[in-house]
Protein backbone atom coordinates (compact mmCIF):
# COMPACT_ATOMS: atom_id res chain seq x y z
CA MET A 1 -0.09 -0.09 0.07
CA PRO A 2 1.41 3.55 -0.95
CA SER A 3 2.33 5.98 1.63
CA LYS A 4 0.30 8.83 2.19
CA LYS A 5 2.97 10.99 0.87
CA ALA A 6 3.22 8.99 -2.45
CA THR A 7 -0.40 9.02 -2.94
CA ILE A 8 -0.52 12.80 -2.54
CA ILE A 9 2.24 13.26 -4.95
CA LEU A 10 0.67 10.91 -7.29
CA SER A 11 -2.93 12.68 -7.27
CA ILE A 12 -0.97 16.03 -7.72
CA PHE A 13 0.88 14.59 -10.93
CA PHE A 14 -2.41 13.07 -12.51
CA LEU A 15 -4.30 16.08 -11.69
CA SER A 16 -1.77 18.33 -13.42
CA CYS A 17 -1.54 15.67 -16.56
CA GLN A 18 -5.33 16.08 -16.87
CA THR A 19 -5.35 19.85 -16.78
CA MET A 20 -2.05 20.45 -18.91
CA LYS A 21 -4.61 19.84 -22.22
CA LYS A 22 -6.78 22.88 -22.36
CA ASP A 23 -10.41 22.62 -23.57
CA LEU A 24 -10.54 22.78 -27.49
CA ALA A 25 -12.30 25.94 -28.04
CA VAL A 26 -14.43 26.35 -31.39
CA VAL A 27 -15.96 29.11 -33.35
CA ASP A 28 -18.97 30.66 -31.70
CA SER A 29 -21.07 30.44 -34.70
CA VAL A 30 -21.46 28.44 -37.86
CA ASP A 31 -24.03 28.69 -40.67
CA LEU A 32 -24.24 25.15 -41.86
CA LYS A 33 -25.90 25.91 -45.05
CA ARG A 34 -23.30 28.10 -45.82
CA TYR A 35 -20.68 25.60 -44.70
CA ALA A 36 -22.15 23.10 -47.12
CA GLY A 37 -20.32 22.54 -50.33
CA THR A 38 -16.91 21.39 -51.46
CA TRP A 39 -13.47 21.90 -49.40
CA PHE A 40 -10.37 21.03 -50.61
CA GLU A 41 -7.66 19.33 -47.73
CA ILE A 42 -4.74 21.70 -47.91
CA ALA A 43 -2.97 19.88 -44.93
CA LYS A 44 -3.60 17.25 -42.14
CA LEU A 45 -2.05 15.60 -39.27
CA PRO A 46 -1.21 11.87 -40.86
CA ASN A 47 -4.20 9.15 -40.41
CA SER A 48 -4.33 5.73 -41.26
CA PHE A 49 -7.57 6.26 -43.51
CA GLU A 50 -6.12 9.10 -45.62
CA LYS A 51 -2.47 7.06 -46.40
CA GLY A 52 -1.40 7.46 -50.18
CA LEU A 53 -4.16 9.88 -50.95
CA LYS A 54 -3.79 12.86 -52.88
CA CYS A 55 -6.59 15.61 -54.24
CA VAL A 56 -8.75 15.10 -51.31
CA LYS A 57 -11.69 16.99 -50.91
CA ALA A 58 -15.09 16.79 -48.98
CA THR A 59 -18.60 17.72 -50.07
CA TYR A 60 -21.13 18.60 -47.30
CA SER A 61 -24.62 18.84 -48.36
CA ILE A 62 -27.66 19.09 -45.80
CA ARG A 63 -30.13 16.55 -45.72
CA ASP A 64 -34.13 16.94 -45.58
CA ASP A 65 -33.64 15.36 -41.78
CA GLY A 66 -31.24 18.14 -41.08
CA LYS A 67 -28.19 15.99 -41.16
CA ILE A 68 -25.42 16.47 -43.28
CA GLN A 69 -24.26 14.22 -45.99
CA VAL A 70 -20.56 13.85 -46.46
CA ILE A 71 -18.56 12.68 -49.52
CA ASN A 72 -14.79 12.47 -48.86
CA GLU A 73 -12.80 11.68 -51.99
CA GLY A 74 -9.18 11.25 -53.08
CA ILE A 75 -7.00 9.57 -55.52
CA ASN A 76 -4.81 6.47 -54.17
CA VAL A 77 -1.21 7.06 -55.45
CA LYS A 78 -0.33 3.61 -54.13
CA LYS A 79 -3.16 1.88 -56.10
CA ASP A 80 -2.34 2.96 -59.71
CA ASP A 81 -4.13 6.64 -59.16
CA LYS A 82 -7.46 4.75 -58.16
CA HIS A 83 -10.14 7.14 -57.26
CA GLN A 84 -11.72 6.48 -53.92
CA THR A 85 -14.84 7.79 -52.49
CA ILE A 86 -16.53 7.51 -49.07
CA LYS A 87 -19.93 8.72 -47.77
CA GLY A 88 -21.07 9.17 -44.20
CA VAL A 89 -23.17 11.45 -42.20
CA ALA A 90 -22.39 14.50 -39.85
CA TYR A 91 -25.02 15.44 -37.01
CA LEU A 92 -24.92 17.66 -34.06
CA PRO A 93 -24.99 15.82 -31.10
CA ASP A 94 -25.82 19.21 -29.20
CA LYS A 95 -28.09 21.62 -31.45
CA THR A 96 -26.97 24.57 -29.31
CA VAL A 97 -23.39 24.08 -30.34
CA LEU A 98 -23.29 24.29 -34.30
CA ALA A 99 -19.46 24.18 -34.54
CA LYS A 100 -19.36 20.50 -32.63
CA LEU A 101 -20.23 17.91 -35.08
CA LYS A 102 -20.16 14.14 -35.06
CA VAL A 103 -19.04 12.22 -38.47
CA ARG A 104 -19.94 8.55 -39.11
CA PHE A 105 -18.63 6.81 -41.90
CA PHE A 106 -19.31 3.30 -40.55
CA TRP A 107 -22.18 2.65 -37.96
CA PRO A 108 -21.83 2.59 -35.18
CA PHE A 109 -18.41 4.40 -35.13
CA SER A 110 -18.44 8.30 -35.00
CA GLY A 111 -15.75 10.87 -34.49
CA ASN A 112 -15.54 14.40 -33.38
CA TYR A 113 -15.47 16.89 -36.17
CA TRP A 114 -15.01 20.41 -34.60
CA ILE A 115 -14.93 23.84 -36.34
CA ILE A 116 -11.80 25.40 -34.48
CA ASP A 117 -11.60 28.34 -36.98
CA LEU A 118 -13.50 29.70 -39.86
CA ASP A 119 -13.68 32.45 -42.30
CA LYS A 120 -16.98 33.75 -41.05
CA GLU A 121 -17.40 36.58 -43.47
CA ASN A 122 -16.99 34.54 -46.68
CA TYR A 123 -16.48 30.50 -45.54
CA GLN A 124 -13.09 30.05 -47.59
CA TYR A 125 -11.15 28.37 -44.93
CA ALA A 126 -11.63 26.17 -42.03
CA LEU A 127 -9.56 24.81 -39.27
CA ILE A 128 -10.96 21.38 -38.02
CA GLY A 129 -9.68 19.35 -35.03
CA GLU A 130 -10.81 17.00 -31.97
CA PRO A 131 -10.47 17.41 -28.38
CA SER A 132 -7.75 14.42 -28.47
CA ARG A 133 -5.56 16.65 -30.81
CA LYS A 134 -4.96 13.20 -32.83
CA TYR A 135 -6.77 14.40 -36.12
CA LEU A 136 -6.41 17.96 -37.62
CA TRP A 137 -7.22 19.43 -40.94
CA ILE A 138 -6.98 22.53 -42.92
CA LEU A 139 -9.57 23.05 -45.39
CA CYS A 140 -10.09 25.50 -48.03
CA ARG A 141 -12.65 26.24 -51.06
CA SER A 142 -9.83 26.62 -53.46
CA LYS A 143 -6.96 23.97 -53.90
CA ILE A 144 -4.41 26.47 -52.97
CA MET A 145 -4.30 28.75 -49.80
CA ASP A 146 -2.21 31.79 -49.11
CA ASP A 147 0.95 31.24 -47.14
CA ALA A 148 0.08 33.79 -44.56
CA LEU A 149 -3.23 32.22 -43.95
CA TYR A 150 -1.87 28.70 -44.09
CA THR A 151 0.72 30.12 -41.25
CA ARG A 152 -1.75 31.29 -39.26
CA LEU A 153 -3.85 28.55 -39.05
CA ILE A 154 -0.71 26.39 -38.18
CA ASN A 155 0.25 28.80 -35.76
CA LYS A 156 -3.72 28.64 -34.22
CA ALA A 157 -3.53 24.77 -34.05
CA LYS A 158 0.06 24.76 -32.13
CA GLU A 159 -1.62 27.17 -29.60
CA ASP A 160 -4.76 24.71 -29.17
CA GLY A 161 -2.29 21.99 -28.63
CA PHE A 162 -1.76 20.21 -31.77
CA ASP A 163 1.53 18.73 -32.82
CA THR A 164 1.94 20.82 -35.93
CA SER A 165 5.48 19.44 -36.53
CA ARG A 166 3.69 16.48 -37.97
CA VAL A 167 1.35 18.31 -40.09
CA GLU A 168 1.63 17.30 -43.78
CA MET A 169 0.66 19.24 -46.79
CA THR A 170 -2.05 17.42 -49.23
CA LEU A 171 -0.94 17.26 -52.92
CA GLN A 172 -3.79 19.00 -54.89
CA GLU A 173 -2.77 18.47 -58.64
């Protein structure tokens, strides 16, 4: 049985580890109708489901039931440039927080899709992440993003606790 002193030290350690990663803030408002449409992936944190893909884009459309149809597409350079498409659905677990969506491609599994930065004036760029900081995407309405904007979004992601040293650009040829 650990001593009282060891228990206190361990308790402080675990509490400090839990508070080191601050809550991930999202944008205060999103017009999902304006958000709908096609977004090109400019960069991302590497993940297994996009390995070997280039020309990645996502198209969102509002369904009659209020949910969002998601169509992700890319070209797999490891499979003779084969075009790959996957369809899913996004929904709001809390209808009062429009920037925190869940996305499901395979039932019953879903993932967080949190809009942490957004061009609220023209809806031309978005920074998407999730609370564990394992996933991150920089999206744009065009295939090319201004370097200054890209740098600003990377800095925002870094401030939010993402490991931006691992971010990789997505080839959009």
